[in-house]
Amino acid sequence: EIEQIFNALISLIINNLTKQISELFQLLIRITYKFYIVSWRAR
């Protein structure tokens, strides 16, 4: 019983982490893309 709860908690935490990491990654890509465009226009 306790093991099932523990496994459920772990899977929940892992899912949440992967979601946050993917969102952070997308944000980083957007920032890099905008920075690249701005620097390219500045030339």
N, C-alpha and C. Protein backbone atom coordinates (compact mmCIF):
# COMPACT_ATOMS: atom_id res chain seq x y z
N GLU A 1 0.84 -1.21 0.00
CA GLU A 1 0.00 0.00 0.00
C GLU A 1 0.88 1.26 0.00
N ILE A 2 1.80 1.33 0.96
CA ILE A 2 2.69 2.49 1.05
C ILE A 2 3.57 2.58 -0.20
N GLU A 3 3.99 1.42 -0.69
CA GLU A 3 4.84 1.38 -1.88
C GLU A 3 4.10 1.97 -3.09
N GLN A 4 2.81 1.65 -3.21
CA GLN A 4 2.01 2.19 -4.33
C GLN A 4 1.93 3.71 -4.25
N ILE A 5 1.69 4.21 -3.04
CA ILE A 5 1.60 5.67 -2.85
C ILE A 5 2.93 6.32 -3.21
N PHE A 6 4.02 5.69 -2.76
CA PHE A 6 5.36 6.20 -3.03
C PHE A 6 5.63 6.24 -4.53
N ASN A 7 5.29 5.16 -5.22
CA ASN A 7 5.48 5.09 -6.67
C ASN A 7 4.65 6.16 -7.38
N ALA A 8 3.41 6.36 -6.93
CA ALA A 8 2.54 7.37 -7.52
C ALA A 8 3.14 8.76 -7.34
N LEU A 9 3.66 9.01 -6.13
CA LEU A 9 4.28 10.31 -5.85
C LEU A 9 5.49 10.54 -6.74
N ILE A 10 6.33 9.52 -6.87
CA ILE A 10 7.54 9.63 -7.70
C ILE A 10 7.17 9.92 -9.15
N SER A 11 6.21 9.19 -9.68
CA SER A 11 5.81 9.39 -11.08
C SER A 11 5.23 10.79 -11.27
N LEU A 12 4.47 11.27 -10.27
CA LEU A 12 3.89 12.61 -10.34
C LEU A 12 4.99 13.66 -10.38
N ILE A 13 5.97 13.51 -9.50
CA ILE A 13 7.09 14.46 -9.43
C ILE A 13 7.87 14.46 -10.74
N ILE A 14 8.13 13.26 -11.27
CA ILE A 14 8.89 13.14 -12.52
C ILE A 14 8.13 13.79 -13.68
N ASN A 15 6.83 13.55 -13.75
CA ASN A 15 6.02 14.15 -14.82
C ASN A 15 6.05 15.67 -14.73
N ASN A 16 5.92 16.18 -13.49
CA ASN A 16 5.93 17.62 -13.27
C ASN A 16 7.28 18.20 -13.67
N LEU A 17 8.35 17.53 -13.29
CA LEU A 17 9.70 18.00 -13.62
C LEU A 17 9.93 18.04 -15.12
N THR A 18 9.55 16.96 -15.81
CA THR A 18 9.77 16.93 -17.26
C THR A 18 8.96 18.03 -17.94
N LYS A 19 7.75 18.29 -17.43
CA LYS A 19 6.92 19.35 -18.00
C LYS A 19 7.60 20.70 -17.80
N GLN A 20 8.07 20.96 -16.59
CA GLN A 20 8.74 22.24 -16.30
C GLN A 20 10.01 22.39 -17.12
N ILE A 21 10.77 21.30 -17.25
CA ILE A 21 12.02 21.35 -18.01
C ILE A 21 11.74 21.65 -19.48
N SER A 22 10.70 21.02 -20.04
CA SER A 22 10.38 21.26 -21.45
C SER A 22 9.92 22.71 -21.66
N GLU A 23 9.14 23.24 -20.69
CA GLU A 23 8.69 24.64 -20.80
C GLU A 23 9.88 25.58 -20.72
N LEU A 24 10.81 25.28 -19.80
CA LEU A 24 12.01 26.10 -19.65
C LEU A 24 12.83 26.06 -20.93
N PHE A 25 12.94 24.87 -21.52
CA PHE A 25 13.70 24.69 -22.75
C PHE A 25 13.10 25.51 -23.89
N GLN A 26 11.76 25.47 -24.01
CA GLN A 26 11.08 26.25 -25.05
C GLN A 26 11.31 27.74 -24.85
N LEU A 27 11.28 28.17 -23.58
CA LEU A 27 11.51 29.58 -23.27
C LEU A 27 12.93 29.98 -23.68
N LEU A 28 13.90 29.13 -23.36
CA LEU A 28 15.29 29.40 -23.72
C LEU A 28 15.46 29.48 -25.23
N ILE A 29 14.80 28.57 -25.95
CA ILE A 29 14.88 28.58 -27.41
C ILE A 29 14.30 29.88 -27.97
N ARG A 30 13.16 30.31 -27.41
CA ARG A 30 12.54 31.55 -27.88
C ARG A 30 13.45 32.75 -27.64
N ILE A 31 14.04 32.81 -26.43
CA ILE A 31 14.92 33.92 -26.10
C ILE A 31 16.13 33.94 -27.02
N THR A 32 16.72 32.77 -27.24
CA THR A 32 17.89 32.66 -28.13
C THR A 32 17.52 33.09 -29.55
N TYR A 33 16.34 32.65 -30.00
CA TYR A 33 15.87 32.98 -31.35
C TYR A 33 15.70 34.49 -31.51
N LYS A 34 15.04 35.13 -30.51
CA LYS A 34 14.84 36.58 -30.57
C LYS A 34 16.17 37.31 -30.55
N PHE A 35 17.07 36.86 -29.69
CA PHE A 35 18.39 37.48 -29.59
C PHE A 35 19.13 37.37 -30.91
N TYR A 36 19.03 36.19 -31.55
CA TYR A 36 19.68 35.96 -32.83
C TYR A 36 19.13 36.90 -33.91
N ILE A 37 17.82 37.05 -33.93
CA ILE A 37 17.19 37.93 -34.92
C ILE A 37 17.62 39.38 -34.69
N VAL A 38 17.63 39.81 -33.44
CA VAL A 38 18.02 41.19 -33.12
C VAL A 38 19.47 41.44 -33.51
N SER A 39 20.35 40.49 -33.18
CA SER A 39 21.76 40.68 -33.52
C SER A 39 21.98 40.62 -35.04
N TRP A 40 21.16 39.81 -35.73
CA TRP A 40 21.30 39.71 -37.18
C TRP A 40 20.84 41.01 -37.86
N ARG A 41 19.78 41.62 -37.31
CA ARG A 41 19.30 42.88 -37.87
C ARG A 41 20.28 44.02 -37.60
N ALA A 42 21.00 43.92 -36.49
CA ALA A 42 21.92 44.99 -36.10
C ALA A 42 23.13 45.08 -37.03
N ARG A 43 23.41 44.00 -37.76
CA ARG A 43 24.57 44.02 -38.65
C ARG A 43 24.41 44.99 -39.81
